[in-house]
Amino acid sequence: MPDPPAPPIAFEPLPYQGRLDPRDTGDIDMIVVHCTELPDLPMARRFGEEVLYEGSQTGNSGHYYVDRDGSVHQYVAIERIAHHVRGYNARAIGVELVNRGRYPDWLAASHQAMDEPYTPAQIDALIALVRQLQAQLPSLRFIAGHEDLDTTEVAATDDPDVKVRRKRDPGPRFPWAHVMSRVPLQRMI
């Protein structure tokens, strides 16, 4: 099967991008795959623009967002450290796939299913983006899901006696076997 063509990337930097810490791209060795757990790209953009850290006046965001139609949007330059996964931000590129996930009851014990499948266009665009980043960054060696790196459990919002995973993305519908057969990166689990 031939590689999908490199996707066009719409560079749409977040308003606070210049306040994110800079980094040497030679230190980047990992891609972390997320899902937005939101209904659409405009809502993901609004969440990304929210300032959550008073000191730096920045928020949480991936570097790239892949919409259901396969379009790729870059909100943070890879030379900047985006806040997308605890403990790994300095070395990782965050790629967010638009998907409802557990929205809107992310931490409710009664709502932990992640039923929306990823579109073929999204997965093809993700594979092409990863291969493009590999060509650009010789240090890139690993890929992980957000759920692989953040295994924290918290009290469920609808039942404080039940613990749920804080992060479950990209979730059970993500086609890891297919993606791993197309990108020569080592999966971190």
Protein backbone atom coordinates (compact mmCIF):
# COMPACT_ATOMS: atom_id res chain seq x y z
CA MET A 1 0.00 0.00 0.00
CA PRO A 2 1.55 3.35 -1.00
CA ASP A 3 2.07 6.03 1.61
CA PRO A 4 -0.59 8.71 1.75
CA PRO A 5 0.63 12.05 0.37
CA ALA A 6 1.89 14.64 2.85
CA PRO A 7 -1.11 16.63 4.01
CA PRO A 8 -1.32 20.37 3.51
CA ILE A 9 -1.03 21.98 6.94
CA ALA A 10 -2.95 25.12 7.86
CA PHE A 11 -0.76 27.05 10.32
CA GLU A 12 -3.12 28.82 12.73
CA PRO A 13 -1.04 29.68 15.82
CA LEU A 14 -2.75 30.12 19.16
CA PRO A 15 -2.67 33.68 20.50
CA TYR A 16 -0.26 32.69 23.29
CA GLN A 17 2.10 30.56 21.17
CA GLY A 18 4.95 33.07 21.65
CA ARG A 19 4.71 32.65 25.43
CA LEU A 20 5.23 28.87 25.30
CA ASP A 21 8.74 27.76 26.20
CA PRO A 22 11.07 27.29 23.23
CA ARG A 23 12.92 24.02 22.65
CA ASP A 24 15.57 22.49 20.44
CA THR A 25 13.81 20.29 17.88
CA GLY A 26 16.66 17.80 18.25
CA ASP A 27 15.19 16.96 21.68
CA ILE A 28 11.88 15.81 20.18
CA ASP A 29 11.74 12.01 20.12
CA MET A 30 8.03 11.24 20.54
CA ILE A 31 4.60 11.82 19.06
CA VAL A 32 1.64 11.56 21.41
CA VAL A 33 -1.72 10.78 19.81
CA HIS A 34 -4.77 12.31 21.48
CA CYS A 35 -8.42 12.75 20.72
CA THR A 36 -10.04 16.08 21.46
CA GLU A 37 -13.00 14.56 23.33
CA LEU A 38 -15.02 17.46 21.89
CA PRO A 39 -17.67 17.58 19.16
CA ASP A 40 -15.78 19.60 16.56
CA LEU A 41 -12.64 21.51 15.61
CA PRO A 42 -13.99 25.01 16.44
CA MET A 43 -14.71 23.89 20.01
CA ALA A 44 -11.25 22.31 20.26
CA ARG A 45 -9.78 25.63 19.12
CA ARG A 46 -11.75 27.51 21.81
CA PHE A 47 -10.53 25.09 24.49
CA GLY A 48 -6.96 25.49 23.22
CA GLU A 49 -7.17 29.28 23.40
CA GLU A 50 -8.24 29.25 27.06
CA VAL A 51 -5.54 30.58 29.38
CA LEU A 52 -5.15 28.09 32.22
CA TYR A 53 -1.70 28.96 33.58
CA GLU A 54 -1.59 32.41 35.18
CA GLY A 55 2.21 32.64 35.28
CA SER A 56 2.83 32.00 31.59
CA GLN A 57 -0.63 33.06 30.37
CA THR A 58 -0.85 29.86 28.30
CA GLY A 59 -3.20 26.87 28.13
CA ASN A 60 -3.49 23.24 27.03
CA SER A 61 -3.15 22.37 23.36
CA GLY A 62 -1.65 19.93 20.94
CA HIS A 63 0.66 21.02 18.14
CA TYR A 64 -1.48 19.54 15.36
CA TYR A 65 -5.21 18.86 15.00
CA VAL A 66 -6.59 16.43 12.42
CA ASP A 67 -10.25 16.97 11.61
CA ARG A 68 -12.64 14.23 10.50
CA ASP A 69 -12.19 15.23 6.84
CA GLY A 70 -8.42 14.70 7.12
CA SER A 71 -7.53 18.39 7.17
CA VAL A 72 -4.52 19.19 9.33
CA HIS A 73 -4.28 22.35 11.44
CA GLN A 74 -1.17 23.41 13.33
CA TYR A 75 -1.82 25.52 16.43
CA VAL A 76 1.67 25.45 17.94
CA ALA A 77 5.06 25.43 16.18
CA ILE A 78 7.11 22.34 17.01
CA GLU A 79 9.88 24.66 18.26
CA ARG A 80 7.57 25.45 21.21
CA ILE A 81 6.57 23.20 24.11
CA ALA A 82 2.80 22.73 24.08
CA HIS A 83 0.94 21.52 27.17
CA HIS A 84 -0.71 18.27 26.11
CA VAL A 85 0.62 15.42 28.28
CA ARG A 86 1.97 15.50 31.83
CA GLY A 87 5.68 14.80 32.14
CA TYR A 88 6.47 14.46 28.42
CA ASN A 89 5.76 17.86 26.88
CA ALA A 90 9.39 18.91 26.41
CA ARG A 91 10.17 15.89 24.24
CA ALA A 92 6.84 15.33 22.49
CA ILE A 93 4.67 16.57 19.66
CA GLY A 94 0.96 16.41 20.43
CA VAL A 95 -1.39 15.34 17.63
CA GLU A 96 -5.09 15.71 18.40
CA LEU A 97 -7.71 13.84 16.36
CA VAL A 98 -11.16 15.44 16.42
CA ASN A 99 -13.43 12.89 18.11
CA ARG A 100 -16.22 13.16 20.70
CA GLY A 101 -14.58 10.68 23.05
CA ARG A 102 -16.46 10.85 26.35
CA TYR A 103 -17.84 14.36 25.76
CA PRO A 104 -19.51 16.01 27.66
CA ASP A 105 -19.27 13.82 30.77
CA TRP A 106 -15.55 13.01 30.57
CA LEU A 107 -15.16 11.72 34.10
CA ALA A 108 -18.60 10.24 34.77
CA ALA A 109 -18.46 6.54 35.62
CA SER A 110 -21.67 6.06 33.65
CA HIS A 111 -20.15 7.58 30.49
CA GLN A 112 -16.74 6.00 29.83
CA ALA A 113 -17.52 4.54 26.39
CA MET A 114 -15.63 6.03 23.46
CA ASP A 115 -17.77 4.86 20.57
CA GLU A 116 -17.02 7.25 17.70
CA PRO A 117 -14.75 5.63 15.11
CA TYR A 118 -11.94 7.61 13.55
CA THR A 119 -12.46 8.35 9.87
CA PRO A 120 -10.20 6.81 7.22
CA ALA A 121 -9.31 10.37 6.15
CA GLN A 122 -8.13 11.17 9.69
CA ILE A 123 -5.99 8.06 9.94
CA ASP A 124 -4.46 8.58 6.48
CA ALA A 125 -3.69 12.21 7.38
CA LEU A 126 -2.18 11.15 10.71
CA ILE A 127 0.07 8.57 9.02
CA ALA A 128 1.17 11.11 6.41
CA LEU A 129 1.83 13.73 9.09
CA VAL A 130 3.88 11.31 11.20
CA ARG A 131 5.96 10.29 8.16
CA GLN A 132 6.48 13.96 7.27
CA LEU A 133 7.62 14.72 10.83
CA GLN A 134 9.97 11.71 10.75
CA ALA A 135 11.64 13.10 7.64
CA GLN A 136 11.98 16.50 9.33
CA LEU A 137 13.12 15.26 12.77
CA PRO A 138 15.76 12.51 12.75
CA SER A 139 15.47 12.25 16.56
CA LEU A 140 11.83 11.07 16.34
CA ARG A 141 11.69 7.45 17.53
CA PHE A 142 8.56 6.85 19.59
CA ILE A 143 4.78 7.12 19.40
CA ALA A 144 2.29 6.77 22.25
CA GLY A 145 -1.32 7.33 23.08
CA HIS A 146 -2.17 9.84 25.77
CA GLU A 147 -3.71 6.96 27.73
CA ASP A 148 -0.36 5.13 27.63
CA LEU A 149 1.47 7.98 29.36
CA ASP A 150 -1.13 9.31 31.81
CA THR A 151 -2.70 6.46 33.76
CA THR A 152 -3.96 8.62 36.63
CA GLU A 153 -7.30 7.63 38.12
CA VAL A 154 -9.66 10.14 39.71
CA ALA A 155 -13.00 10.01 41.50
CA ALA A 156 -15.89 9.84 39.04
CA THR A 157 -18.00 12.99 38.85
CA ASP A 158 -21.23 11.02 39.20
CA ASP A 159 -20.01 8.60 41.89
CA PRO A 160 -17.05 9.65 44.06
CA ASP A 161 -16.62 6.05 45.25
CA VAL A 162 -15.70 4.94 41.72
CA LYS A 163 -12.35 5.69 40.10
CA VAL A 164 -12.09 6.42 36.37
CA ARG A 165 -9.12 7.04 34.11
CA ARG A 166 -8.40 10.75 33.73
CA LYS A 167 -7.21 10.17 30.16
CA ARG A 168 -8.43 7.41 27.82
CA ASP A 169 -7.49 8.87 24.47
CA PRO A 170 -7.12 8.05 21.72
CA GLY A 171 -9.23 5.18 23.05
CA PRO A 172 -10.33 1.70 22.01
CA ARG A 173 -11.47 2.69 18.49
CA PHE A 174 -8.03 3.96 17.49
CA PRO A 175 -6.49 1.55 14.91
CA TRP A 176 -3.08 1.08 16.49
CA ALA A 177 -2.18 -2.04 14.46
CA HIS A 178 -2.85 -0.26 11.17
CA VAL A 179 -0.96 2.89 12.18
CA MET A 180 2.02 0.94 13.53
CA SER A 181 2.23 -1.06 10.30
CA ARG A 182 2.65 2.22 8.39
CA VAL A 183 5.03 4.24 10.59
CA PRO A 184 8.45 3.01 11.65
CA LEU A 185 8.25 4.29 15.21
CA GLN A 186 8.39 2.29 18.42
CA ARG A 187 5.20 2.36 20.47
CA MET A 188 5.66 3.41 24.07
CA ILE A 189 3.23 1.56 26.30
